[in-house]
């Protein structure tokens, strides 16, 4: 069901301060906190005594105290203090610790075998912390299986229909002969799903505050990396130009919570009008409306009507523009099977 030997975001860095954060990932309740040196620590999220949520606990230097009976755990997940009776520490008073890496303004968790964790697998995202871009980050919960969210992102032809007033614009401005699609899979299983609209007579509502009403060459290049890390580069260029005049990159990092719920961490940037705080507010609002008010209700409705998380068991009609999403499902299924057959 899930690829465990993969990096998943547990939190944006700025959202983890002095108090612990609870998050469920791949069906597992986890707790995330910073130690005395400010380094992120990720442990099983329920106390092994009476299964209290450790996200309600208290950080004390390099330790975390359970809020229910006061057991204290160190950074390795070992119980080092029992305030009751003789103070004996039961053999089962142990939490699993997960490898974490802080990179690109995010805290990444490795959910599989600790020895296999390789931070170099996390792409370098230069624009996210660059002074040349204005950026926003966010998080929403999608009440659907994570692969349905991947499907949504790898086929952006839904945008002119679902997002006409936000990031999609009018269907007649992009759908049809003006749009070309390039799809490919790299040897490392990375999938590219790139769209170009040349020309786009009128920009999308999201772009108009930055571009105006004039035509453009619109490019939308999506990259998927297992298990569910997606990076989208949108650019606009003057008709006939080789180089873009506007770059709007975005990140879409998905974390399966359960079979029917998904954490959706997103980031968005722009390389024009970067000091304009009002434009940053507008950019954040367009992202919120598109993801929270439009995508999420539709994907949730799809999940409800499907009645299952196994899309292919329903024998769906497949369009030409579904190539990338279908390939991502095949790649992910292969990687999960390979992981399951590795001897313990």
C-alpha atoms as a PDB file:
ATOM      1  CA  UNK A   1       0.000   0.000   0.000  1.00  0.00           C
ATOM      2  CA  UNK A   2       2.839   2.406   0.830  1.00  0.00           C
ATOM      3  CA  UNK A   3       6.458   2.826  -0.181  1.00  0.00           C
ATOM      4  CA  UNK A   4       8.283   3.013   3.145  1.00  0.00           C
ATOM      5  CA  UNK A   5      11.821   3.502   1.866  1.00  0.00           C
ATOM      6  CA  UNK A   6      11.109   7.038   0.762  1.00  0.00           C
ATOM      7  CA  UNK A   7      11.380  10.578   2.114  1.00  0.00           C
ATOM      8  CA  UNK A   8       8.180  12.298   3.253  1.00  0.00           C
ATOM      9  CA  UNK A   9       7.679  15.770   4.704  1.00  0.00           C
ATOM     10  CA  UNK A  10       6.695  15.744   8.374  1.00  0.00           C
ATOM     11  CA  UNK A  11       6.452  19.541   8.682  1.00  0.00           C
ATOM     12  CA  UNK A  12       7.609  22.807   7.203  1.00  0.00           C
ATOM     13  CA  UNK A  13      10.573  23.957   9.308  1.00  0.00           C
ATOM     14  CA  UNK A  14       8.956  27.208  10.359  1.00  0.00           C
ATOM     15  CA  UNK A  15       5.950  25.345  11.789  1.00  0.00           C
ATOM     16  CA  UNK A  16       8.002  23.398  14.344  1.00  0.00           C
ATOM     17  CA  UNK A  17       8.913  25.590  17.297  1.00  0.00           C
ATOM     18  CA  UNK A  18       8.972  24.847  21.041  1.00  0.00           C
ATOM     19  CA  UNK A  19       6.019  22.480  21.290  1.00  0.00           C
ATOM     20  CA  UNK A  20       5.745  18.969  19.835  1.00  0.00           C
ATOM     21  CA  UNK A  21       3.729  18.296  16.682  1.00  0.00           C
ATOM     22  CA  UNK A  22       1.692  15.161  16.139  1.00  0.00           C
ATOM     23  CA  UNK A  23       1.303  13.733  12.648  1.00  0.00           C
ATOM     24  CA  UNK A  24       0.078  10.404  11.291  1.00  0.00           C
ATOM     25  CA  UNK A  25       2.142   9.100   8.369  1.00  0.00           C
ATOM     26  CA  UNK A  26       1.615   5.801   6.561  1.00  0.00           C
ATOM     27  CA  UNK A  27      -0.920   4.830   9.253  1.00  0.00           C
ATOM     28  CA  UNK A  28       1.596   5.485  12.067  1.00  0.00           C
ATOM     29  CA  UNK A  29       1.061   8.132  14.774  1.00  0.00           C
ATOM     30  CA  UNK A  30       4.290  10.112  15.210  1.00  0.00           C
ATOM     31  CA  UNK A  31       5.578  12.971  17.326  1.00  0.00           C
ATOM     32  CA  UNK A  32       8.013  15.610  16.078  1.00  0.00           C
ATOM     33  CA  UNK A  33       9.937  18.006  18.333  1.00  0.00           C
ATOM     34  CA  UNK A  34      13.161  20.003  18.542  1.00  0.00           C
ATOM     35  CA  UNK A  35      15.867  19.131  21.069  1.00  0.00           C
ATOM     36  CA  UNK A  36      18.011  21.579  23.028  1.00  0.00           C
ATOM     37  CA  UNK A  37      20.213  22.162  19.970  1.00  0.00           C
ATOM     38  CA  UNK A  38      17.201  22.883  17.762  1.00  0.00           C
ATOM     39  CA  UNK A  39      17.537  19.620  15.839  1.00  0.00           C
ATOM     40  CA  UNK A  40      14.350  17.828  14.806  1.00  0.00           C
ATOM     41  CA  UNK A  41      13.552  14.464  16.408  1.00  0.00           C
ATOM     42  CA  UNK A  42      10.842  12.103  15.147  1.00  0.00           C
ATOM     43  CA  UNK A  43       9.553   9.255  17.325  1.00  0.00           C
ATOM     44  CA  UNK A  44       6.552   6.960  17.568  1.00  0.00           C
ATOM     45  CA  UNK A  45       3.725   9.195  18.665  1.00  0.00           C
ATOM     46  CA  UNK A  46       2.004   7.138  21.327  1.00  0.00           C
ATOM     47  CA  UNK A  47       3.369   6.251  24.739  1.00  0.00           C
ATOM     48  CA  UNK A  48       3.963   2.473  25.080  1.00  0.00           C
ATOM     49  CA  UNK A  49       2.436   2.529  28.575  1.00  0.00           C
ATOM     50  CA  UNK A  50      -1.191   3.585  27.987  1.00  0.00           C
ATOM     51  CA  UNK A  51      -0.830   4.890  24.429  1.00  0.00           C
ATOM     52  CA  UNK A  52      -1.275   8.555  25.277  1.00  0.00           C
ATOM     53  CA  UNK A  53      -0.521  11.045  22.462  1.00  0.00           C
ATOM     54  CA  UNK A  54       3.030  12.246  22.992  1.00  0.00           C
ATOM     55  CA  UNK A  55       2.279  15.305  20.880  1.00  0.00           C
ATOM     56  CA  UNK A  56       0.625  16.640  24.046  1.00  0.00           C
ATOM     57  CA  UNK A  57       3.811  16.007  25.999  1.00  0.00           C
ATOM     58  CA  UNK A  58       6.435  18.423  27.314  1.00  0.00           C
ATOM     59  CA  UNK A  59       9.881  18.895  25.809  1.00  0.00           C
ATOM     60  CA  UNK A  60      12.540  19.100  28.518  1.00  0.00           C
ATOM     61  CA  UNK A  61      15.911  19.769  26.924  1.00  0.00           C
ATOM     62  CA  UNK A  62      16.688  16.635  24.904  1.00  0.00           C
ATOM     63  CA  UNK A  63      13.787  14.614  26.335  1.00  0.00           C
ATOM     64  CA  UNK A  64      10.034  14.344  25.933  1.00  0.00           C
ATOM     65  CA  UNK A  65       7.749  13.706  28.901  1.00  0.00           C
ATOM     66  CA  UNK A  66       4.461  11.843  28.426  1.00  0.00           C
ATOM     67  CA  UNK A  67       1.503  14.036  29.458  1.00  0.00           C
ATOM     68  CA  UNK A  68      -0.424  11.121  31.010  1.00  0.00           C
ATOM     69  CA  UNK A  69       1.881   9.425  33.578  1.00  0.00           C
ATOM     70  CA  UNK A  70       5.139  11.349  33.225  1.00  0.00           C
ATOM     71  CA  UNK A  71       7.398   8.760  31.606  1.00  0.00           C
ATOM     72  CA  UNK A  72      10.400  10.505  30.042  1.00  0.00           C
ATOM     73  CA  UNK A  73      11.960   9.484  26.709  1.00  0.00           C
ATOM     74  CA  UNK A  74      15.289  10.573  25.264  1.00  0.00           C
ATOM     75  CA  UNK A  75      16.116  11.443  21.648  1.00  0.00           C
ATOM     76  CA  UNK A  76      16.681   7.780  20.804  1.00  0.00           C
ATOM     77  CA  UNK A  77      13.205   6.868  22.036  1.00  0.00           C
ATOM     78  CA  UNK A  78      14.442   5.119  25.182  1.00  0.00           C
ATOM     79  CA  UNK A  79      12.501   5.634  28.415  1.00  0.00           C
ATOM     80  CA  UNK A  80      15.017   7.045  30.898  1.00  0.00           C
ATOM     81  CA  UNK A  81      12.727   7.961  33.795  1.00  0.00           C
ATOM     82  CA  UNK A  82       9.691   6.389  35.465  1.00  0.00           C
ATOM     83  CA  UNK A  83       8.442   8.571  38.336  1.00  0.00           C
ATOM     84  CA  UNK A  84       6.324   5.785  39.863  1.00  0.00           C
ATOM     85  CA  UNK A  85       7.043   3.038  42.401  1.00  0.00           C
ATOM     86  CA  UNK A  86      10.659   1.887  42.439  1.00  0.00           C
ATOM     87  CA  UNK A  87      11.284   3.665  39.152  1.00  0.00           C
ATOM     88  CA  UNK A  88      11.766   0.408  37.272  1.00  0.00           C
ATOM     89  CA  UNK A  89      11.650   0.907  33.523  1.00  0.00           C
ATOM     90  CA  UNK A  90       9.729  -1.880  31.732  1.00  0.00           C
ATOM     91  CA  UNK A  91      11.467  -3.591  28.789  1.00  0.00           C
ATOM     92  CA  UNK A  92       8.728  -2.429  26.419  1.00  0.00           C
ATOM     93  CA  UNK A  93       9.133   1.263  27.291  1.00  0.00           C
ATOM     94  CA  UNK A  94      10.778   2.113  23.984  1.00  0.00           C
ATOM     95  CA  UNK A  95       9.822   4.249  21.002  1.00  0.00           C
ATOM     96  CA  UNK A  96      11.063   3.851  17.451  1.00  0.00           C
ATOM     97  CA  UNK A  97      13.118   6.760  16.194  1.00  0.00           C
ATOM     98  CA  UNK A  98      12.956   7.714  12.498  1.00  0.00           C
ATOM     99  CA  UNK A  99      15.743   9.363  10.460  1.00  0.00           C
ATOM    100  CA  UNK A 100      15.035  13.029   9.723  1.00  0.00           C
ATOM    101  CA  UNK A 101      16.753  15.633   7.559  1.00  0.00           C
ATOM    102  CA  UNK A 102      16.051  19.347   7.525  1.00  0.00           C
ATOM    103  CA  UNK A 103      16.394  20.658   3.979  1.00  0.00           C
ATOM    104  CA  UNK A 104      14.688  23.157   1.678  1.00  0.00           C
ATOM    105  CA  UNK A 105      12.798  24.686   4.582  1.00  0.00           C
ATOM    106  CA  UNK A 106      11.182  21.355   5.463  1.00  0.00           C
ATOM    107  CA  UNK A 107      11.682  18.459   7.878  1.00  0.00           C
ATOM    108  CA  UNK A 108      11.908  15.195   5.977  1.00  0.00           C
ATOM    109  CA  UNK A 109      11.186  11.787   7.520  1.00  0.00           C
ATOM    110  CA  UNK A 110      12.371   8.376   6.345  1.00  0.00           C
ATOM    111  CA  UNK A 111       9.741   5.762   7.159  1.00  0.00           C
ATOM    112  CA  UNK A 112      11.611   2.638   6.080  1.00  0.00           C
ATOM    113  CA  UNK A 113      14.875   0.928   6.987  1.00  0.00           C
ATOM    114  CA  UNK A 114      17.133   3.452   8.725  1.00  0.00           C
ATOM    115  CA  UNK A 115      20.282   2.164   7.016  1.00  0.00           C
ATOM    116  CA  UNK A 116      18.751   2.883   3.611  1.00  0.00           C
ATOM    117  CA  UNK A 117      18.056   6.566   4.321  1.00  0.00           C
ATOM    118  CA  UNK A 118      19.993   8.662   1.800  1.00  0.00           C
ATOM    119  CA  UNK A 119      19.512  12.466   2.096  1.00  0.00           C
ATOM    120  CA  UNK A 120      20.905  12.950  -1.417  1.00  0.00           C
ATOM    121  CA  UNK A 121      17.593  11.592  -2.728  1.00  0.00           C
ATOM    122  CA  UNK A 122      15.952  14.854  -1.641  1.00  0.00           C
ATOM    123  CA  UNK A 123      16.123  17.325  -4.514  1.00  0.00           C
ATOM    124  CA  UNK A 124      17.782  20.693  -3.995  1.00  0.00           C
ATOM    125  CA  UNK A 125      15.137  23.398  -4.353  1.00  0.00           C
ATOM    126  CA  UNK A 126      17.110  26.596  -4.835  1.00  0.00           C
ATOM    127  CA  UNK A 127      14.202  28.991  -5.243  1.00  0.00           C
ATOM    128  CA  UNK A 128      12.404  28.168  -1.985  1.00  0.00           C
ATOM    129  CA  UNK A 129      14.918  29.977   0.229  1.00  0.00           C
ATOM    130  CA  UNK A 130      16.262  32.362  -2.417  1.00  0.00           C
ATOM    131  CA  UNK A 131      16.097  36.169  -2.025  1.00  0.00           C
ATOM    132  CA  UNK A 132      15.201  36.305  -5.718  1.00  0.00           C
ATOM    133  CA  UNK A 133      11.767  34.750  -5.098  1.00  0.00           C
ATOM    134  CA  UNK A 134       8.748  35.581  -2.989  1.00  0.00           C
ATOM    135  CA  UNK A 135       7.443  32.333  -1.482  1.00  0.00           C
ATOM    136  CA  UNK A 136       4.581  30.932   0.544  1.00  0.00           C
ATOM    137  CA  UNK A 137       4.097  27.500   2.119  1.00  0.00           C
ATOM    138  CA  UNK A 138       1.021  25.691   3.374  1.00  0.00           C
ATOM    139  CA  UNK A 139      -0.612  22.430   4.351  1.00  0.00           C
ATOM    140  CA  UNK A 140      -4.092  20.989   3.894  1.00  0.00           C
ATOM    141  CA  UNK A 141      -5.683  17.590   4.483  1.00  0.00           C
ATOM    142  CA  UNK A 142      -7.265  15.766   1.542  1.00  0.00           C
ATOM    143  CA  UNK A 143      -9.850  13.160   2.516  1.00  0.00           C
ATOM    144  CA  UNK A 144      -8.860  10.676  -0.166  1.00  0.00           C
ATOM    145  CA  UNK A 145      -6.176   8.168  -1.057  1.00  0.00           C
ATOM    146  CA  UNK A 146      -2.860   9.810  -1.902  1.00  0.00           C
ATOM    147  CA  UNK A 147      -2.676   8.262  -5.377  1.00  0.00           C
ATOM    148  CA  UNK A 148      -5.821  10.138  -6.379  1.00  0.00           C
ATOM    149  CA  UNK A 149      -4.021  13.365  -5.491  1.00  0.00           C
ATOM    150  CA  UNK A 150      -1.030  12.275  -7.599  1.00  0.00           C
ATOM    151  CA  UNK A 151      -3.434  11.588 -10.493  1.00  0.00           C
ATOM    152  CA  UNK A 152      -4.834  15.103 -10.116  1.00  0.00           C
ATOM    153  CA  UNK A 153      -1.417  16.739 -10.232  1.00  0.00           C
ATOM    154  CA  UNK A 154       0.036  14.711 -13.100  1.00  0.00           C
ATOM    155  CA  UNK A 155      -2.853  15.564 -15.418  1.00  0.00           C
ATOM    156  CA  UNK A 156      -3.360  19.319 -15.321  1.00  0.00           C
ATOM    157  CA  UNK A 157      -5.927  19.289 -18.125  1.00  0.00           C
ATOM    158  CA  UNK A 158      -8.520  19.426 -15.355  1.00  0.00           C
ATOM    159  CA  UNK A 159      -7.438  22.986 -14.487  1.00  0.00           C
ATOM    160  CA  UNK A 160      -9.505  24.894 -17.133  1.00  0.00           C
ATOM    161  CA  UNK A 161     -12.642  23.101 -15.918  1.00  0.00           C
ATOM    162  CA  UNK A 162     -12.170  22.886 -12.144  1.00  0.00           C
ATOM    163  CA  UNK A 163     -10.097  26.062 -11.654  1.00  0.00           C
ATOM    164  CA  UNK A 164     -11.512  28.574 -14.152  1.00  0.00           C
ATOM    165  CA  UNK A 165     -11.498  31.422 -11.622  1.00  0.00           C
ATOM    166  CA  UNK A 166      -8.127  30.636 -10.035  1.00  0.00           C
ATOM    167  CA  UNK A 167      -5.240  28.771 -11.687  1.00  0.00           C
ATOM    168  CA  UNK A 168      -6.963  27.336 -14.762  1.00  0.00           C
ATOM    169  CA  UNK A 169      -8.616  30.071 -16.800  1.00  0.00           C
ATOM    170  CA  UNK A 170     -11.025  29.483 -19.673  1.00  0.00           C
ATOM    171  CA  UNK A 171     -10.979  26.109 -21.512  1.00  0.00           C
ATOM    172  CA  UNK A 172     -10.950  27.864 -24.891  1.00  0.00           C
ATOM    173  CA  UNK A 173      -7.642  29.535 -23.967  1.00  0.00           C
ATOM    174  CA  UNK A 174      -5.718  26.279 -23.524  1.00  0.00           C
ATOM    175  CA  UNK A 175      -7.594  23.074 -24.375  1.00  0.00           C
ATOM    176  CA  UNK A 176      -7.325  21.694 -27.906  1.00  0.00           C
ATOM    177  CA  UNK A 177      -4.834  22.285 -30.695  1.00  0.00           C
ATOM    178  CA  UNK A 178      -2.959  24.999 -28.814  1.00  0.00           C
ATOM    179  CA  UNK A 179      -1.873  22.514 -26.136  1.00  0.00           C
ATOM    180  CA  UNK A 180       0.939  20.016 -26.594  1.00  0.00           C
ATOM    181  CA  UNK A 181       1.963  17.366 -24.066  1.00  0.00           C
ATOM    182  CA  UNK A 182       5.375  15.770 -23.568  1.00  0.00           C
ATOM    183  CA  UNK A 183       5.608  12.708 -21.326  1.00  0.00           C
ATOM    184  CA  UNK A 184       8.698  10.708 -20.399  1.00  0.00           C
ATOM    185  CA  UNK A 185      10.143   8.480 -17.668  1.00  0.00           C
ATOM    186  CA  UNK A 186      13.788   8.693 -16.601  1.00  0.00           C
ATOM    187  CA  UNK A 187      15.887   5.631 -15.706  1.00  0.00           C
ATOM    188  CA  UNK A 188      15.643   6.558 -12.005  1.00  0.00           C
ATOM    189  CA  UNK A 189      11.811   6.270 -12.233  1.00  0.00           C
ATOM    190  CA  UNK A 190      11.291  10.045 -12.281  1.00  0.00           C
ATOM    191  CA  UNK A 191       8.287  10.965 -14.438  1.00  0.00           C
ATOM    192  CA  UNK A 192       7.892  14.201 -16.396  1.00  0.00           C
ATOM    193  CA  UNK A 193       4.520  15.500 -17.562  1.00  0.00           C
ATOM    194  CA  UNK A 194       4.991  18.760 -19.449  1.00  0.00           C
ATOM    195  CA  UNK A 195       2.365  20.939 -21.134  1.00  0.00           C
ATOM    196  CA  UNK A 196       2.795  23.900 -23.442  1.00  0.00           C
ATOM    197  CA  UNK A 197       0.105  26.281 -24.715  1.00  0.00           C
ATOM    198  CA  UNK A 198       1.374  28.408 -27.606  1.00  0.00           C
ATOM    199  CA  UNK A 199      -0.099  30.879 -27.728  1.00  0.00           C
ATOM    200  CA  UNK A 200      -2.313  31.335 -24.686  1.00  0.00           C
ATOM    201  CA  UNK A 201      -4.535  34.298 -25.651  1.00  0.00           C
ATOM    202  CA  UNK A 202      -5.299  35.295 -22.089  1.00  0.00           C
ATOM    203  CA  UNK A 203      -3.478  34.330 -18.872  1.00  0.00           C
ATOM    204  CA  UNK A 204      -5.173  32.557 -15.991  1.00  0.00           C
ATOM    205  CA  UNK A 205      -6.686  34.683 -13.190  1.00  0.00           C
ATOM    206  CA  UNK A 206      -3.716  33.786 -10.995  1.00  0.00           C
ATOM    207  CA  UNK A 207      -1.302  35.207 -13.580  1.00  0.00           C
ATOM    208  CA  UNK A 208      -3.136  38.393 -14.522  1.00  0.00           C
ATOM    209  CA  UNK A 209      -1.931  40.509 -11.567  1.00  0.00           C
ATOM    210  CA  UNK A 210       1.634  39.681 -12.635  1.00  0.00           C
ATOM    211  CA  UNK A 211       1.335  39.477 -16.439  1.00  0.00           C
ATOM    212  CA  UNK A 212      -1.659  41.549 -17.443  1.00  0.00           C
ATOM    213  CA  UNK A 213      -4.103  40.563 -20.186  1.00  0.00           C
ATOM    214  CA  UNK A 214      -1.634  40.043 -23.029  1.00  0.00           C
ATOM    215  CA  UNK A 215      -0.962  36.703 -24.778  1.00  0.00           C
ATOM    216  CA  UNK A 216       1.918  34.445 -23.772  1.00  0.00           C
ATOM    217  CA  UNK A 217       3.609  31.113 -24.281  1.00  0.00           C
ATOM    218  CA  UNK A 218       2.493  29.103 -21.254  1.00  0.00           C
ATOM    219  CA  UNK A 219       4.603  26.185 -20.064  1.00  0.00           C
ATOM    220  CA  UNK A 220       3.734  23.832 -17.218  1.00  0.00           C
ATOM    221  CA  UNK A 221       6.386  21.215 -16.397  1.00  0.00           C
ATOM    222  CA  UNK A 222       5.549  18.677 -13.680  1.00  0.00           C
ATOM    223  CA  UNK A 223       8.058  16.224 -12.231  1.00  0.00           C
ATOM    224  CA  UNK A 224       7.054  13.232 -10.066  1.00  0.00           C
ATOM    225  CA  UNK A 225       9.516  11.380  -7.857  1.00  0.00           C
ATOM    226  CA  UNK A 226       8.611   8.276  -5.847  1.00  0.00           C
ATOM    227  CA  UNK A 227       6.749   7.995  -3.643  1.00  0.00           C
ATOM    228  CA  UNK A 228       4.780  11.218  -4.006  1.00  0.00           C
ATOM    229  CA  UNK A 229       6.980  14.281  -4.399  1.00  0.00           C
ATOM    230  CA  UNK A 230       5.871  16.578  -7.208  1.00  0.00           C
ATOM    231  CA  UNK A 231       7.598  19.716  -8.445  1.00  0.00           C
ATOM    232  CA  UNK A 232       5.844  22.065 -10.872  1.00  0.00           C
ATOM    233  CA  UNK A 233       7.511  24.790 -12.938  1.00  0.00           C
ATOM    234  CA  UNK A 234       5.134  27.245 -14.593  1.00  0.00           C
ATOM    235  CA  UNK A 235       6.534  29.938 -16.843  1.00  0.00           C
ATOM    236  CA  UNK A 236       5.211  32.594 -19.197  1.00  0.00           C
ATOM    237  CA  UNK A 237       7.129  33.983 -22.143  1.00  0.00           C
ATOM    238  CA  UNK A 238       6.391  36.626 -24.732  1.00  0.00           C
ATOM    239  CA  UNK A 239       5.130  35.094 -28.026  1.00  0.00           C
ATOM    240  CA  UNK A 240       8.175  34.209 -30.132  1.00  0.00           C
ATOM    241  CA  UNK A 241      10.608  34.497 -27.205  1.00  0.00           C
ATOM    242  CA  UNK A 242      12.934  31.678 -26.151  1.00  0.00           C
ATOM    243  CA  UNK A 243      13.319  32.696 -22.511  1.00  0.00           C
ATOM    244  CA  UNK A 244      10.483  33.102 -19.990  1.00  0.00           C
ATOM    245  CA  UNK A 245       9.695  36.466 -18.434  1.00  0.00           C
ATOM    246  CA  UNK A 246       7.800  35.039 -15.452  1.00  0.00           C
ATOM    247  CA  UNK A 247       8.600  31.956 -13.368  1.00  0.00           C
ATOM    248  CA  UNK A 248       6.161  30.508 -10.833  1.00  0.00           C
ATOM    249  CA  UNK A 249       7.590  27.294  -9.354  1.00  0.00           C
ATOM    250  CA  UNK A 250       5.642  25.220  -6.857  1.00  0.00           C
ATOM    251  CA  UNK A 251       6.046  22.092  -4.734  1.00  0.00           C
ATOM    252  CA  UNK A 252       3.410  19.496  -4.004  1.00  0.00           C
ATOM    253  CA  UNK A 253       4.580  17.007  -1.384  1.00  0.00           C
ATOM    254  CA  UNK A 254       2.066  14.340  -0.417  1.00  0.00           C
ATOM    255  CA  UNK A 255       2.136  12.157   2.676  1.00  0.00           C
ATOM    256  CA  UNK A 256      -0.284   9.242   3.004  1.00  0.00           C
ATOM    257  CA  UNK A 257      -1.967   9.543   6.391  1.00  0.00           C
ATOM    258  CA  UNK A 258      -4.359   6.609   6.030  1.00  0.00           C
ATOM    259  CA  UNK A 259      -5.843   4.724   3.098  1.00  0.00           C
ATOM    260  CA  UNK A 260      -8.442   7.504   2.733  1.00  0.00           C
ATOM    261  CA  UNK A 261      -6.594  10.644   3.863  1.00  0.00           C
ATOM    262  CA  UNK A 262      -3.515  12.531   2.687  1.00  0.00           C
ATOM    263  CA  UNK A 263      -1.350  15.363   3.992  1.00  0.00           C
ATOM    264  CA  UNK A 264      -0.753  17.880   1.218  1.00  0.00           C
ATOM    265  CA  UNK A 265       2.241  20.160   1.833  1.00  0.00           C
ATOM    266  CA  UNK A 266       2.644  22.847  -0.814  1.00  0.00           C
ATOM    267  CA  UNK A 267       4.907  25.785  -1.598  1.00  0.00           C
ATOM    268  CA  UNK A 268       4.720  28.428  -4.296  1.00  0.00           C
ATOM    269  CA  UNK A 269       7.087  31.140  -5.487  1.00  0.00           C
ATOM    270  CA  UNK A 270       7.418  33.910  -8.063  1.00  0.00           C
ATOM    271  CA  UNK A 271      10.364  35.860  -9.466  1.00  0.00           C
ATOM    272  CA  UNK A 272       8.576  39.153 -10.200  1.00  0.00           C
ATOM    273  CA  UNK A 273       7.272  41.833  -7.820  1.00  0.00           C
ATOM    274  CA  UNK A 274       8.967  39.925  -5.018  1.00  0.00           C
ATOM    275  CA  UNK A 275       8.791  42.806  -2.515  1.00  0.00           C
ATOM    276  CA  UNK A 276       5.064  43.371  -3.032  1.00  0.00           C
ATOM    277  CA  UNK A 277       3.418  41.933   0.094  1.00  0.00           C
ATOM    278  CA  UNK A 278      -0.055  42.364  -1.372  1.00  0.00           C
ATOM    279  CA  UNK A 279       0.899  40.197  -4.349  1.00  0.00           C
ATOM    280  CA  UNK A 280       2.220  37.567  -1.929  1.00  0.00           C
ATOM    281  CA  UNK A 281      -1.098  37.635  -0.081  1.00  0.00           C
ATOM    282  CA  UNK A 282      -2.949  37.268  -3.391  1.00  0.00           C
ATOM    283  CA  UNK A 283      -0.691  34.377  -4.433  1.00  0.00           C
ATOM    284  CA  UNK A 284      -1.383  32.586  -1.141  1.00  0.00           C
ATOM    285  CA  UNK A 285      -5.119  33.108  -1.518  1.00  0.00           C
ATOM    286  CA  UNK A 286      -5.161  31.731  -5.068  1.00  0.00           C
ATOM    287  CA  UNK A 287      -3.259  28.657  -3.841  1.00  0.00           C
ATOM    288  CA  UNK A 288      -5.642  28.176  -0.914  1.00  0.00           C
ATOM    289  CA  UNK A 289      -8.742  28.487  -3.091  1.00  0.00           C
ATOM    290  CA  UNK A 290      -7.415  26.151  -5.784  1.00  0.00           C
ATOM    291  CA  UNK A 291      -6.183  23.437  -3.424  1.00  0.00           C
ATOM    292  CA  UNK A 292      -8.610  23.693  -0.501  1.00  0.00           C
ATOM    293  CA  UNK A 293     -11.858  24.922  -2.089  1.00  0.00           C
ATOM    294  CA  UNK A 294     -11.627  23.272  -5.527  1.00  0.00           C
ATOM    295  CA  UNK A 295      -9.227  20.301  -5.669  1.00  0.00           C
ATOM    296  CA  UNK A 296      -9.929  18.819  -2.245  1.00  0.00           C
ATOM    297  CA  UNK A 297     -13.757  18.696  -2.495  1.00  0.00           C
ATOM    298  CA  UNK A 298     -13.554  17.156  -5.978  1.00  0.00           C
ATOM    299  CA  UNK A 299     -10.958  14.521  -5.050  1.00  0.00           C
ATOM    300  CA  UNK A 300     -12.919  13.703  -1.883  1.00  0.00           C
ATOM    301  CA  UNK A 301     -16.101  13.294  -3.940  1.00  0.00           C
ATOM    302  CA  UNK A 302     -14.259  10.993  -6.350  1.00  0.00           C
ATOM    303  CA  UNK A 303     -13.030   8.895  -3.425  1.00  0.00           C
ATOM    304  CA  UNK A 304     -16.529   8.685  -1.928  1.00  0.00           C
ATOM    305  CA  UNK A 305     -18.096   7.586  -5.205  1.00  0.00           C
ATOM    306  CA  UNK A 306     -15.364   5.052  -5.914  1.00  0.00           C
ATOM    307  CA  UNK A 307     -15.978   3.244  -2.640  1.00  0.00           C
ATOM    308  CA  UNK A 308     -12.455   1.803  -2.843  1.00  0.00           C
ATOM    309  CA  UNK A 309      -8.870   3.001  -2.986  1.00  0.00           C
ATOM    310  CA  UNK A 310      -8.077   0.660  -5.877  1.00  0.00           C
ATOM    311  CA  UNK A 311      -8.800   2.829  -8.916  1.00  0.00           C
ATOM    312  CA  UNK A 312      -7.813   0.213 -11.479  1.00  0.00           C
ATOM    313  CA  UNK A 313     -10.219  -2.360 -10.029  1.00  0.00           C
ATOM    314  CA  UNK A 314     -13.033  -0.124 -11.325  1.00  0.00           C
ATOM    315  CA  UNK A 315     -11.685  -0.347 -14.901  1.00  0.00           C
ATOM    316  CA  UNK A 316     -11.625   3.437 -15.514  1.00  0.00           C
ATOM    317  CA  UNK A 317     -11.731   4.935 -18.999  1.00  0.00           C
ATOM    318  CA  UNK A 318      -8.198   6.078 -19.846  1.00  0.00           C
ATOM    319  CA  UNK A 319      -7.503   9.270 -21.797  1.00  0.00           C
ATOM    320  CA  UNK A 320      -4.303  10.109 -23.680  1.00  0.00           C
ATOM    321  CA  UNK A 321      -3.505  12.712 -21.041  1.00  0.00           C
ATOM    322  CA  UNK A 322      -3.596  10.030 -18.316  1.00  0.00           C
ATOM    323  CA  UNK A 323      -0.223   8.635 -19.431  1.00  0.00           C
ATOM    324  CA  UNK A 324       1.828  10.142 -16.622  1.00  0.00           C
ATOM    325  CA  UNK A 325      -0.626   9.231 -13.856  1.00  0.00           C
ATOM    326  CA  UNK A 326      -0.952   5.636 -15.060  1.00  0.00           C
ATOM    327  CA  UNK A 327       2.827   5.297 -15.338  1.00  0.00           C
ATOM    328  CA  UNK A 328       3.304   6.695 -11.810  1.00  0.00           C
ATOM    329  CA  UNK A 329       0.912   4.079 -10.457  1.00  0.00           C
ATOM    330  CA  UNK A 330       2.820   1.334 -12.268  1.00  0.00           C
ATOM    331  CA  UNK A 331       6.199   2.547 -11.030  1.00  0.00           C
ATOM    332  CA  UNK A 332       4.975   2.887  -7.464  1.00  0.00           C
ATOM    333  CA  UNK A 333       3.375  -0.570  -7.487  1.00  0.00           C
ATOM    334  CA  UNK A 334       6.635  -2.053  -8.764  1.00  0.00           C
ATOM    335  CA  UNK A 335       8.719  -0.322  -6.097  1.00  0.00           C
ATOM    336  CA  UNK A 336       6.341  -1.436  -3.337  1.00  0.00           C
ATOM    337  CA  UNK A 337       6.444  -5.053  -4.575  1.00  0.00           C
ATOM    338  CA  UNK A 338      10.232  -4.953  -4.668  1.00  0.00           C
ATOM    339  CA  UNK A 339      10.340  -3.558  -1.149  1.00  0.00           C
ATOM    340  CA  UNK A 340       8.009  -6.245   0.159  1.00  0.00           C
ATOM    341  CA  UNK A 341      10.106  -9.069  -1.341  1.00  0.00           C
ATOM    342  CA  UNK A 342      13.403  -7.915   0.225  1.00  0.00           C
ATOM    343  CA  UNK A 343      14.365 -10.428   2.994  1.00  0.00           C
ATOM    344  CA  UNK A 344      14.113  -9.050   6.511  1.00  0.00           C
END
